């Protein structure tokens, strides 16, 4: 009995371990989680401590950094007077591609 055609069919369907690992890591979105952790660290190092007491990053999606602020008073303060400064600092620390804009919200 010649098993070469069956063996060849299995070899053609084989997937490398590297591609399996890449797919698993991609589905876990570890790069995104690592980036979010890095954003929090950079936020706490570059933004004024008075602001960081009341506002913390909650996520980043498609170039937008989402920041949760603990009160409407601080939200107004940040949006009116500090938004552009914070955006520039975060872009310098991370990159313009990663953080294109910031969205502040109470939460």
PDB file of N, CA and C in Angstrom:
ATOM      1  N   UNK A   1       0.846  -1.171   0.000  1.00  0.00           N
ATOM      2  CA  UNK A   1       0.000   0.000   0.000  1.00  0.00           C
ATOM      3  C   UNK A   1       0.896   1.241   0.000  1.00  0.00           C
ATOM      4  N   UNK A   2       0.620   2.176  -0.901  1.00  0.00           N
ATOM      5  CA  UNK A   2       1.406   3.398  -1.035  1.00  0.00           C
ATOM      6  C   UNK A   2       0.714   4.531  -0.268  1.00  0.00           C
ATOM      7  N   UNK A   3       1.351   5.025   0.799  1.00  0.00           N
ATOM      8  CA  UNK A   3       0.774   6.085   1.635  1.00  0.00           C
ATOM      9  C   UNK A   3       1.307   7.477   1.284  1.00  0.00           C
ATOM     10  N   UNK A   4       2.140   7.583   0.285  1.00  0.00           N
ATOM     11  CA  UNK A   4       2.737   8.872  -0.065  1.00  0.00           C
ATOM     12  C   UNK A   4       1.688   9.951  -0.404  1.00  0.00           C
ATOM     13  N   UNK A   5       0.643   9.670  -1.126  1.00  0.00           N
ATOM     14  CA  UNK A   5      -0.357  10.727  -1.399  1.00  0.00           C
ATOM     15  C   UNK A   5      -1.044  11.222  -0.118  1.00  0.00           C
ATOM     16  N   UNK A   6      -1.303  10.323   0.809  1.00  0.00           N
ATOM     17  CA  UNK A   6      -1.942  10.717   2.076  1.00  0.00           C
ATOM     18  C   UNK A   6      -0.974  11.548   2.910  1.00  0.00           C
ATOM     19  N   UNK A   7       0.294  11.112   2.981  1.00  0.00           N
ATOM     20  CA  UNK A   7       1.304  11.865   3.723  1.00  0.00           C
ATOM     21  C   UNK A   7       1.490  13.251   3.119  1.00  0.00           C
ATOM     22  N   UNK A   8       1.511  13.330   1.804  1.00  0.00           N
ATOM     23  CA  UNK A   8       1.666  14.620   1.134  1.00  0.00           C
ATOM     24  C   UNK A   8       0.492  15.543   1.449  1.00  0.00           C
ATOM     25  N   UNK A   9      -0.706  15.007   1.520  1.00  0.00           N
ATOM     26  CA  UNK A   9      -1.887  15.809   1.853  1.00  0.00           C
ATOM     27  C   UNK A   9      -1.763  16.390   3.253  1.00  0.00           C
ATOM     28  N   UNK A  10      -1.254  15.612   4.202  1.00  0.00           N
ATOM     29  CA  UNK A  10      -1.068  16.101   5.564  1.00  0.00           C
ATOM     30  C   UNK A  10       0.039  17.151   5.632  1.00  0.00           C
ATOM     31  N   UNK A  11       1.105  16.956   4.871  1.00  0.00           N
ATOM     32  CA  UNK A  11       2.196  17.924   4.856  1.00  0.00           C
ATOM     33  C   UNK A  11       1.706  19.249   4.283  1.00  0.00           C
ATOM     34  N   UNK A  12       0.877  19.202   3.248  1.00  0.00           N
ATOM     35  CA  UNK A  12       0.354  20.419   2.642  1.00  0.00           C
ATOM     36  C   UNK A  12      -0.535  21.197   3.609  1.00  0.00           C
ATOM     37  N   UNK A  13      -1.176  20.508   4.545  1.00  0.00           N
ATOM     38  CA  UNK A  13      -2.071  21.155   5.503  1.00  0.00           C
ATOM     39  C   UNK A  13      -1.344  21.598   6.769  1.00  0.00           C
ATOM     40  N   UNK A  14      -0.097  21.222   6.920  1.00  0.00           N
ATOM     41  CA  UNK A  14       0.660  21.544   8.128  1.00  0.00           C
ATOM     42  C   UNK A  14       0.860  23.052   8.239  1.00  0.00           C
ATOM     43  N   UNK A  15       0.842  23.524   9.458  1.00  0.00           N
ATOM     44  CA  UNK A  15       1.031  24.936   9.747  1.00  0.00           C
ATOM     45  C   UNK A  15       2.240  25.055  10.670  1.00  0.00           C
ATOM     46  N   UNK A  16       3.069  26.044  10.426  1.00  0.00           N
ATOM     47  CA  UNK A  16       4.260  26.201  11.257  1.00  0.00           C
ATOM     48  C   UNK A  16       3.871  26.669  12.660  1.00  0.00           C
ATOM     49  N   UNK A  17       4.692  26.301  13.622  1.00  0.00           N
ATOM     50  CA  UNK A  17       4.449  26.702  15.012  1.00  0.00           C
ATOM     51  C   UNK A  17       4.500  28.220  15.144  1.00  0.00           C
ATOM     52  N   UNK A  18       5.379  28.864  14.395  1.00  0.00           N
ATOM     53  CA  UNK A  18       5.489  30.321  14.443  1.00  0.00           C
ATOM     54  C   UNK A  18       4.210  31.021  14.035  1.00  0.00           C
ATOM     55  N   UNK A  19       3.565  30.503  12.982  1.00  0.00           N
ATOM     56  CA  UNK A  19       2.325  31.142  12.546  1.00  0.00           C
ATOM     57  C   UNK A  19       1.191  30.890  13.536  1.00  0.00           C
ATOM     58  N   UNK A  20       1.185  29.732  14.176  1.00  0.00           N
ATOM     59  CA  UNK A  20       0.167  29.450  15.197  1.00  0.00           C
ATOM     60  C   UNK A  20       0.336  30.393  16.373  1.00  0.00           C
ATOM     61  N   UNK A  21       1.570  30.557  16.843  1.00  0.00           N
ATOM     62  CA  UNK A  21       1.838  31.453  17.979  1.00  0.00           C
ATOM     63  C   UNK A  21       1.474  32.886  17.618  1.00  0.00           C
ATOM     64  N   UNK A  22       1.843  33.322  16.412  1.00  0.00           N
ATOM     65  CA  UNK A  22       1.516  34.672  15.971  1.00  0.00           C
ATOM     66  C   UNK A  22       0.004  34.894  15.984  1.00  0.00           C
ATOM     67  N   UNK A  23      -0.756  33.908  15.513  1.00  0.00           N
ATOM     68  CA  UNK A  23      -2.214  34.034  15.493  1.00  0.00           C
ATOM     69  C   UNK A  23      -2.790  34.079  16.903  1.00  0.00           C
ATOM     70  N   UNK A  24      -2.258  33.243  17.795  1.00  0.00           N
ATOM     71  CA  UNK A  24      -2.745  33.226  19.180  1.00  0.00           C
ATOM     72  C   UNK A  24      -2.443  34.554  19.863  1.00  0.00           C
ATOM     73  N   UNK A  25      -1.216  35.046  19.715  1.00  0.00           N
ATOM     74  CA  UNK A  25      -0.856  36.328  20.330  1.00  0.00           C
ATOM     75  C   UNK A  25      -1.676  37.468  19.745  1.00  0.00           C
ATOM     76  N   UNK A  26      -1.955  37.397  18.453  1.00  0.00           N
ATOM     77  CA  UNK A  26      -2.793  38.419  17.829  1.00  0.00           C
ATOM     78  C   UNK A  26      -4.205  38.411  18.380  1.00  0.00           C
ATOM     79  N   UNK A  27      -4.737  37.226  18.625  1.00  0.00           N
ATOM     80  CA  UNK A  27      -6.093  37.146  19.154  1.00  0.00           C
ATOM     81  C   UNK A  27      -6.166  37.602  20.610  1.00  0.00           C
ATOM     82  N   UNK A  28      -5.079  37.481  21.340  1.00  0.00           N
ATOM     83  CA  UNK A  28      -5.046  37.945  22.732  1.00  0.00           C
ATOM     84  C   UNK A  28      -4.860  39.455  22.826  1.00  0.00           C
ATOM     85  N   UNK A  29      -4.435  40.070  21.735  1.00  0.00           N
ATOM     86  CA  UNK A  29      -4.214  41.521  21.656  1.00  0.00           C
ATOM     87  C   UNK A  29      -3.232  42.002  22.724  1.00  0.00           C
ATOM     88  N   UNK A  30      -2.146  41.274  22.899  1.00  0.00           N
ATOM     89  CA  UNK A  30      -1.148  41.631  23.898  1.00  0.00           C
ATOM     90  C   UNK A  30      -0.442  42.936  23.557  1.00  0.00           C
ATOM     91  N   UNK A  31      -0.233  43.202  22.269  1.00  0.00           N
ATOM     92  CA  UNK A  31       0.400  44.463  21.881  1.00  0.00           C
ATOM     93  C   UNK A  31      -0.440  45.648  22.330  1.00  0.00           C
ATOM     94  N   UNK A  32      -1.730  45.531  22.153  1.00  0.00           N
ATOM     95  CA  UNK A  32      -2.637  46.612  22.559  1.00  0.00           C
ATOM     96  C   UNK A  32      -2.616  46.795  24.068  1.00  0.00           C
ATOM     97  N   UNK A  33      -2.641  45.698  24.802  1.00  0.00           N
ATOM     98  CA  UNK A  33      -2.612  45.788  26.262  1.00  0.00           C
ATOM     99  C   UNK A  33      -1.300  46.377  26.756  1.00  0.00           C
ATOM    100  N   UNK A  34      -0.197  45.989  26.125  1.00  0.00           N
ATOM    101  CA  UNK A  34       1.097  46.529  26.502  1.00  0.00           C
ATOM    102  C   UNK A  34       1.131  48.033  26.225  1.00  0.00           C
ATOM    103  N   UNK A  35       0.587  48.449  25.102  1.00  0.00           N
ATOM    104  CA  UNK A  35       0.550  49.866  24.749  1.00  0.00           C
ATOM    105  C   UNK A  35      -0.285  50.653  25.750  1.00  0.00           C
ATOM    106  N   UNK A  36      -1.414  50.090  26.169  1.00  0.00           N
ATOM    107  CA  UNK A  36      -2.260  50.766  27.156  1.00  0.00           C
ATOM    108  C   UNK A  36      -1.540  50.910  28.487  1.00  0.00           C
ATOM    109  N   UNK A  37      -0.803  49.893  28.887  1.00  0.00           N
ATOM    110  CA  UNK A  37      -0.029  49.958  30.125  1.00  0.00           C
ATOM    111  C   UNK A  37       1.053  51.021  30.010  1.00  0.00           C
ATOM    112  N   UNK A  38       1.693  51.090  28.867  1.00  0.00           N
ATOM    113  CA  UNK A  38       2.734  52.085  28.627  1.00  0.00           C
ATOM    114  C   UNK A  38       2.145  53.496  28.645  1.00  0.00           C
ATOM    115  N   UNK A  39       0.948  53.659  28.105  1.00  0.00           N
ATOM    116  CA  UNK A  39       0.297  54.969  28.086  1.00  0.00           C
ATOM    117  C   UNK A  39       0.052  55.455  29.509  1.00  0.00           C
ATOM    118  N   UNK A  40      -0.401  54.583  30.383  1.00  0.00           N
ATOM    119  CA  UNK A  40      -0.656  54.967  31.776  1.00  0.00           C
ATOM    120  C   UNK A  40       0.640  55.401  32.446  1.00  0.00           C
ATOM    121  N   UNK A  41       1.699  54.652  32.210  1.00  0.00           N
ATOM    122  CA  UNK A  41       3.001  54.988  32.795  1.00  0.00           C
ATOM    123  C   UNK A  41       3.488  56.351  32.292  1.00  0.00           C
ATOM    124  N   UNK A  42       3.410  56.563  30.986  1.00  0.00           N
ATOM    125  CA  UNK A  42       3.841  57.831  30.399  1.00  0.00           C
ATOM    126  C   UNK A  42       2.953  58.970  30.891  1.00  0.00           C
ATOM    127  N   UNK A  43       1.663  58.735  30.970  1.00  0.00           N
ATOM    128  CA  UNK A  43       0.718  59.744  31.470  1.00  0.00           C
ATOM    129  C   UNK A  43       1.138  60.231  32.852  1.00  0.00           C
ATOM    130  N   UNK A  44       1.404  59.302  33.748  1.00  0.00           N
ATOM    131  CA  UNK A  44       1.768  59.660  35.117  1.00  0.00           C
ATOM    132  C   UNK A  44       3.120  60.354  35.218  1.00  0.00           C
ATOM    133  N   UNK A  45       3.991  60.156  34.236  1.00  0.00           N
ATOM    134  CA  UNK A  45       5.307  60.790  34.247  1.00  0.00           C
ATOM    135  C   UNK A  45       5.329  62.150  33.555  1.00  0.00           C
ATOM    136  N   UNK A  46       4.436  62.376  32.598  1.00  0.00           N
ATOM    137  CA  UNK A  46       4.522  63.599  31.794  1.00  0.00           C
ATOM    138  C   UNK A  46       3.450  64.642  32.094  1.00  0.00           C
ATOM    139  N   UNK A  47       2.345  64.218  32.654  1.00  0.00           N
ATOM    140  CA  UNK A  47       1.237  65.154  32.901  1.00  0.00           C
ATOM    141  C   UNK A  47       1.342  65.684  34.333  1.00  0.00           C
ATOM    142  N   UNK A  48       0.921  66.910  34.501  1.00  0.00           N
ATOM    143  CA  UNK A  48       0.944  67.585  35.803  1.00  0.00           C
ATOM    144  C   UNK A  48       0.279  66.710  36.871  1.00  0.00           C
ATOM    145  N   UNK A  49       0.932  66.514  38.015  1.00  0.00           N
ATOM    146  CA  UNK A  49       0.360  65.676  39.087  1.00  0.00           C
ATOM    147  C   UNK A  49      -1.018  66.132  39.561  1.00  0.00           C
ATOM    148  N   UNK A  50      -1.282  67.428  39.494  1.00  0.00           N
ATOM    149  CA  UNK A  50      -2.623  67.910  39.887  1.00  0.00           C
ATOM    150  C   UNK A  50      -3.683  67.336  38.948  1.00  0.00           C
ATOM    151  N   UNK A  51      -3.342  67.165  37.678  1.00  0.00           N
ATOM    152  CA  UNK A  51      -4.276  66.600  36.707  1.00  0.00           C
ATOM    153  C   UNK A  51      -4.376  65.090  36.885  1.00  0.00           C
ATOM    154  N   UNK A  52      -3.244  64.420  37.084  1.00  0.00           N
ATOM    155  CA  UNK A  52      -3.269  62.960  37.190  1.00  0.00           C
ATOM    156  C   UNK A  52      -4.046  62.477  38.422  1.00  0.00           C
ATOM    157  N   UNK A  53      -4.187  63.336  39.420  1.00  0.00           N
ATOM    158  CA  UNK A  53      -5.006  62.972  40.581  1.00  0.00           C
ATOM    159  C   UNK A  53      -6.481  62.846  40.209  1.00  0.00           C
ATOM    160  N   UNK A  54      -6.885  63.542  39.168  1.00  0.00           N
ATOM    161  CA  UNK A  54      -8.297  63.591  38.796  1.00  0.00           C
ATOM    162  C   UNK A  54      -8.614  62.982  37.429  1.00  0.00           C
ATOM    163  N   UNK A  55      -7.586  62.649  36.668  1.00  0.00           N
ATOM    164  CA  UNK A  55      -7.810  62.112  35.320  1.00  0.00           C
ATOM    165  C   UNK A  55      -6.785  61.026  35.013  1.00  0.00           C
ATOM    166  N   UNK A  56      -7.272  59.890  34.494  1.00  0.00           N
ATOM    167  CA  UNK A  56      -6.406  58.761  34.139  1.00  0.00           C
ATOM    168  C   UNK A  56      -6.860  58.164  32.809  1.00  0.00           C
ATOM    169  N   UNK A  57      -5.911  57.725  31.997  1.00  0.00           N
ATOM    170  CA  UNK A  57      -6.274  57.082  30.731  1.00  0.00           C
ATOM    171  C   UNK A  57      -7.078  55.807  30.981  1.00  0.00           C
ATOM    172  N   UNK A  58      -8.083  55.589  30.165  1.00  0.00           N
ATOM    173  CA  UNK A  58      -8.900  54.380  30.302  1.00  0.00           C
ATOM    174  C   UNK A  58      -8.765  53.464  29.092  1.00  0.00           C
ATOM    175  N   UNK A  59      -8.132  53.949  28.032  1.00  0.00           N
ATOM    176  CA  UNK A  59      -7.934  53.107  26.856  1.00  0.00           C
ATOM    177  C   UNK A  59      -7.463  53.921  25.669  1.00  0.00           C
ATOM    178  N   UNK A  60      -7.058  53.195  24.649  1.00  0.00           N
ATOM    179  CA  UNK A  60      -6.629  53.839  23.417  1.00  0.00           C
ATOM    180  C   UNK A  60      -7.144  53.012  22.245  1.00  0.00           C
ATOM    181  N   UNK A  61      -7.830  53.667  21.316  1.00  0.00           N
ATOM    182  CA  UNK A  61      -8.391  52.984  20.151  1.00  0.00           C
ATOM    183  C   UNK A  61      -8.257  53.876  18.927  1.00  0.00           C
ATOM    184  N   UNK A  62      -7.693  53.296  17.888  1.00  0.00           N
ATOM    185  CA  UNK A  62      -7.573  53.970  16.586  1.00  0.00           C
ATOM    186  C   UNK A  62      -6.992  55.378  16.712  1.00  0.00           C
ATOM    187  N   UNK A  63      -5.966  55.521  17.526  1.00  0.00           N
ATOM    188  CA  UNK A  63      -5.284  56.804  17.659  1.00  0.00           C
ATOM    189  C   UNK A  63      -5.911  57.782  18.625  1.00  0.00           C
ATOM    190  N   UNK A  64      -6.994  57.397  19.271  1.00  0.00           N
ATOM    191  CA  UNK A  64      -7.646  58.269  20.241  1.00  0.00           C
ATOM    192  C   UNK A  64      -7.395  57.743  21.647  1.00  0.00           C
ATOM    193  N   UNK A  65      -6.831  58.594  22.491  1.00  0.00           N
ATOM    194  CA  UNK A  65      -6.606  58.265  23.892  1.00  0.00           C
ATOM    195  C   UNK A  65      -7.846  58.698  24.668  1.00  0.00           C
ATOM    196  N   UNK A  66      -8.476  57.756  25.348  1.00  0.00           N
ATOM    197  CA  UNK A  66      -9.655  58.049  26.158  1.00  0.00           C
ATOM    198  C   UNK A  66      -9.221  58.227  27.604  1.00  0.00           C
ATOM    199  N   UNK A  67      -9.650  59.342  28.200  1.00  0.00           N
ATOM    200  CA  UNK A  67      -9.249  59.681  29.564  1.00  0.00           C
ATOM    201  C   UNK A  67     -10.495  59.881  30.405  1.00  0.00           C
ATOM    202  N   UNK A  68     -10.540  59.193  31.547  1.00  0.00           N
ATOM    203  CA  UNK A  68     -11.650  59.346  32.487  1.00  0.00           C
ATOM    204  C   UNK A  68     -11.289  60.403  33.522  1.00  0.00           C
ATOM    205  N   UNK A  69     -12.210  61.330  33.726  1.00  0.00           N
ATOM    206  CA  UNK A  69     -12.018  62.424  34.671  1.00  0.00           C
ATOM    207  C   UNK A  69     -13.048  62.266  35.783  1.00  0.00           C
ATOM    208  N   UNK A  70     -12.646  62.563  37.029  1.00  0.00           N
ATOM    209  CA  UNK A  70     -13.512  62.259  38.170  1.00  0.00           C
ATOM    210  C   UNK A  70     -14.598  63.291  38.466  1.00  0.00           C
ATOM    211  N   UNK A  71     -14.555  64.465  37.849  1.00  0.00           N
ATOM    212  CA  UNK A  71     -15.610  65.450  38.115  1.00  0.00           C
ATOM    213  C   UNK A  71     -15.775  66.381  36.912  1.00  0.00           C
ATOM    214  N   UNK A  72     -16.930  67.004  36.845  1.00  0.00           N
ATOM    215  CA  UNK A  72     -17.190  67.928  35.736  1.00  0.00           C
ATOM    216  C   UNK A  72     -16.331  69.186  35.854  1.00  0.00           C
ATOM    217  N   UNK A  73     -15.979  69.570  37.081  1.00  0.00           N
ATOM    218  CA  UNK A  73     -15.120  70.742  37.278  1.00  0.00           C
ATOM    219  C   UNK A  73     -13.748  70.495  36.649  1.00  0.00           C
ATOM    220  N   UNK A  74     -13.173  69.325  36.931  1.00  0.00           N
ATOM    221  CA  UNK A  74     -11.867  68.994  36.357  1.00  0.00           C
ATOM    222  C   UNK A  74     -11.971  68.753  34.852  1.00  0.00           C
ATOM    223  N   UNK A  75     -13.053  68.191  34.413  1.00  0.00           N
ATOM    224  CA  UNK A  75     -13.250  67.998  32.978  1.00  0.00           C
ATOM    225  C   UNK A  75     -13.210  69.343  32.261  1.00  0.00           C
ATOM    226  N   UNK A  76     -13.928  70.328  32.807  1.00  0.00           N
ATOM    227  CA  UNK A  76     -13.954  71.668  32.227  1.00  0.00           C
ATOM    228  C   UNK A  76     -12.563  72.301  32.249  1.00  0.00           C
ATOM    229  N   UNK A  77     -11.862  72.183  33.360  1.00  0.00           N
ATOM    230  CA  UNK A  77     -10.502  72.727  33.494  1.00  0.00           C
ATOM    231  C   UNK A  77      -9.560  72.140  32.445  1.00  0.00           C
ATOM    232  N   UNK A  78      -9.596  70.826  32.315  1.00  0.00           N
ATOM    233  CA  UNK A  78      -8.691  70.149  31.384  1.00  0.00           C
ATOM    234  C   UNK A  78      -9.034  70.487  29.940  1.00  0.00           C
ATOM    235  N   UNK A  79     -10.297  70.409  29.595  1.00  0.00           N
ATOM    236  CA  UNK A  79     -10.709  70.638  28.201  1.00  0.00           C
ATOM    237  C   UNK A  79     -10.451  72.087  27.792  1.00  0.00           C
ATOM    238  N   UNK A  80     -10.723  73.030  28.679  1.00  0.00           N
ATOM    239  CA  UNK A  80     -10.545  74.442  28.336  1.00  0.00           C
ATOM    240  C   UNK A  80      -9.078  74.874  28.281  1.00  0.00           C
ATOM    241  N   UNK A  81      -8.317  74.469  29.297  1.00  0.00           N
ATOM    242  CA  UNK A  81      -6.992  75.061  29.464  1.00  0.00           C
ATOM    243  C   UNK A  81      -5.804  74.129  29.251  1.00  0.00           C
ATOM    244  N   UNK A  82      -6.006  72.835  29.325  1.00  0.00           N
ATOM    245  CA  UNK A  82      -4.856  71.943  29.323  1.00  0.00           C
ATOM    246  C   UNK A  82      -4.847  70.886  28.225  1.00  0.00           C
ATOM    247  N   UNK A  83      -5.898  70.778  27.468  1.00  0.00           N
ATOM    248  CA  UNK A  83      -6.035  69.728  26.447  1.00  0.00           C
ATOM    249  C   UNK A  83      -4.860  69.725  25.461  1.00  0.00           C
ATOM    250  N   UNK A  84      -4.535  70.859  24.891  1.00  0.00           N
ATOM    251  CA  UNK A  84      -3.497  70.922  23.864  1.00  0.00           C
ATOM    252  C   UNK A  84      -2.114  70.616  24.445  1.00  0.00           C
ATOM    253  N   UNK A  85      -1.847  71.122  25.623  1.00  0.00           N
ATOM    254  CA  UNK A  85      -0.563  70.846  26.279  1.00  0.00           C
ATOM    255  C   UNK A  85      -0.422  69.346  26.562  1.00  0.00           C
ATOM    256  N   UNK A  86      -1.472  68.738  27.083  1.00  0.00           N
ATOM    257  CA  UNK A  86      -1.436  67.300  27.387  1.00  0.00           C
ATOM    258  C   UNK A  86      -1.253  66.491  26.108  1.00  0.00           C
ATOM    259  N   UNK A  87      -1.983  66.846  25.062  1.00  0.00           N
ATOM    260  CA  UNK A  87      -1.861  66.129  23.794  1.00  0.00           C
ATOM    261  C   UNK A  87      -0.430  66.217  23.253  1.00  0.00           C
ATOM    262  N   UNK A  88       0.157  67.409  23.263  1.00  0.00           N
ATOM    263  CA  UNK A  88       1.526  67.573  22.762  1.00  0.00           C
ATOM    264  C   UNK A  88       2.518  66.749  23.581  1.00  0.00           C
ATOM    265  N   UNK A  89       2.377  66.782  24.890  1.00  0.00           N
ATOM    266  CA  UNK A  89       3.290  66.012  25.745  1.00  0.00           C
ATOM    267  C   UNK A  89       3.177  64.511  25.487  1.00  0.00           C
ATOM    268  N   UNK A  90       1.958  64.026  25.365  1.00  0.00           N
ATOM    269  CA  UNK A  90       1.754  62.601  25.123  1.00  0.00           C
ATOM    270  C   UNK A  90       2.261  62.199  23.739  1.00  0.00           C
ATOM    271  N   UNK A  91       2.076  63.049  22.750  1.00  0.00           N
ATOM    272  CA  UNK A  91       2.583  62.753  21.406  1.00  0.00           C
ATOM    273  C   UNK A  91       4.103  62.728  21.373  1.00  0.00           C
ATOM    274  N   UNK A  92       4.724  63.634  22.110  1.00  0.00           N
ATOM    275  CA  UNK A  92       6.187  63.630  22.182  1.00  0.00           C
ATOM    276  C   UNK A  92       6.701  62.378  22.885  1.00  0.00           C
ATOM    277  N   UNK A  93       6.023  61.964  23.928  1.00  0.00           N
ATOM    278  CA  UNK A  93       6.473  60.816  24.711  1.00  0.00           C
ATOM    279  C   UNK A  93       6.180  59.487  24.004  1.00  0.00           C
ATOM    280  N   UNK A  94       5.053  59.372  23.333  1.00  0.00           N
ATOM    281  CA  UNK A  94       4.649  58.105  22.711  1.00  0.00           C
ATOM    282  C   UNK A  94       4.936  58.143  21.202  1.00  0.00           C
ATOM    283  N   UNK A  95       4.156  58.890  20.485  1.00  0.00           N
ATOM    284  CA  UNK A  95       4.326  59.163  19.048  1.00  0.00           C
ATOM    285  C   UNK A  95       3.021  59.750  18.527  1.00  0.00           C
ATOM    286  N   UNK A  96       3.139  60.508  17.464  1.00  0.00           N
ATOM    287  CA  UNK A  96       1.933  61.109  16.869  1.00  0.00           C
ATOM    288  C   UNK A  96       1.023  60.057  16.249  1.00  0.00           C
ATOM    289  N   UNK A  97       1.617  58.975  15.765  1.00  0.00           N
ATOM    290  CA  UNK A  97       0.817  57.908  15.159  1.00  0.00           C
ATOM    291  C   UNK A  97      -0.026  57.195  16.207  1.00  0.00           C
ATOM    292  N   UNK A  98       0.544  57.002  17.376  1.00  0.00           N
ATOM    293  CA  UNK A  98      -0.165  56.257  18.408  1.00  0.00           C
ATOM    294  C   UNK A  98      -1.275  57.099  19.046  1.00  0.00           C
ATOM    295  N   UNK A  99      -0.974  58.368  19.303  1.00  0.00           N
ATOM    296  CA  UNK A  99      -1.962  59.260  19.927  1.00  0.00           C
ATOM    297  C   UNK A  99      -2.186  60.446  19.002  1.00  0.00           C
ATOM    298  N   UNK A 100      -3.314  60.439  18.328  1.00  0.00           N
ATOM    299  CA  UNK A 100      -3.642  61.518  17.404  1.00  0.00           C
ATOM    300  C   UNK A 100      -4.570  62.543  18.048  1.00  0.00           C
ATOM    301  N   UNK A 101      -5.389  62.072  18.967  1.00  0.00           N
ATOM    302  CA  UNK A 101      -6.283  62.991  19.694  1.00  0.00           C
ATOM    303  C   UNK A 101      -6.638  62.397  21.048  1.00  0.00           C
ATOM    304  N   UNK A 102      -7.212  63.249  21.912  1.00  0.00           N
ATOM    305  CA  UNK A 102      -7.595  62.810  23.252  1.00  0.00           C
ATOM    306  C   UNK A 102      -9.070  63.122  23.460  1.00  0.00           C
ATOM    307  N   UNK A 103      -9.762  62.172  24.048  1.00  0.00           N
ATOM    308  CA  UNK A 103     -11.169  62.356  24.382  1.00  0.00           C
ATOM    309  C   UNK A 103     -11.316  62.239  25.894  1.00  0.00           C
ATOM    310  N   UNK A 104     -11.784  63.312  26.525  1.00  0.00           N
ATOM    311  CA  UNK A 104     -11.985  63.323  27.970  1.00  0.00           C
ATOM    312  C   UNK A 104     -13.457  63.095  28.264  1.00  0.00           C
ATOM    313  N   UNK A 105     -13.732  62.329  29.306  1.00  0.00           N
ATOM    314  CA  UNK A 105     -15.123  62.076  29.709  1.00  0.00           C
ATOM    315  C   UNK A 105     -15.180  61.779  31.198  1.00  0.00           C
ATOM    316  N   UNK A 106     -16.314  62.040  31.788  1.00  0.00           N
ATOM    317  CA  UNK A 106     -16.489  61.756  33.208  1.00  0.00           C
ATOM    318  C   UNK A 106     -16.700  60.265  33.379  1.00  0.00           C
ATOM    319  N   UNK A 107     -15.990  59.701  34.345  1.00  0.00           N
ATOM    320  CA  UNK A 107     -16.154  58.268  34.546  1.00  0.00           C
ATOM    321  C   UNK A 107     -15.317  57.670  35.593  1.00  0.00           C
TER     322      UNK A 107
END
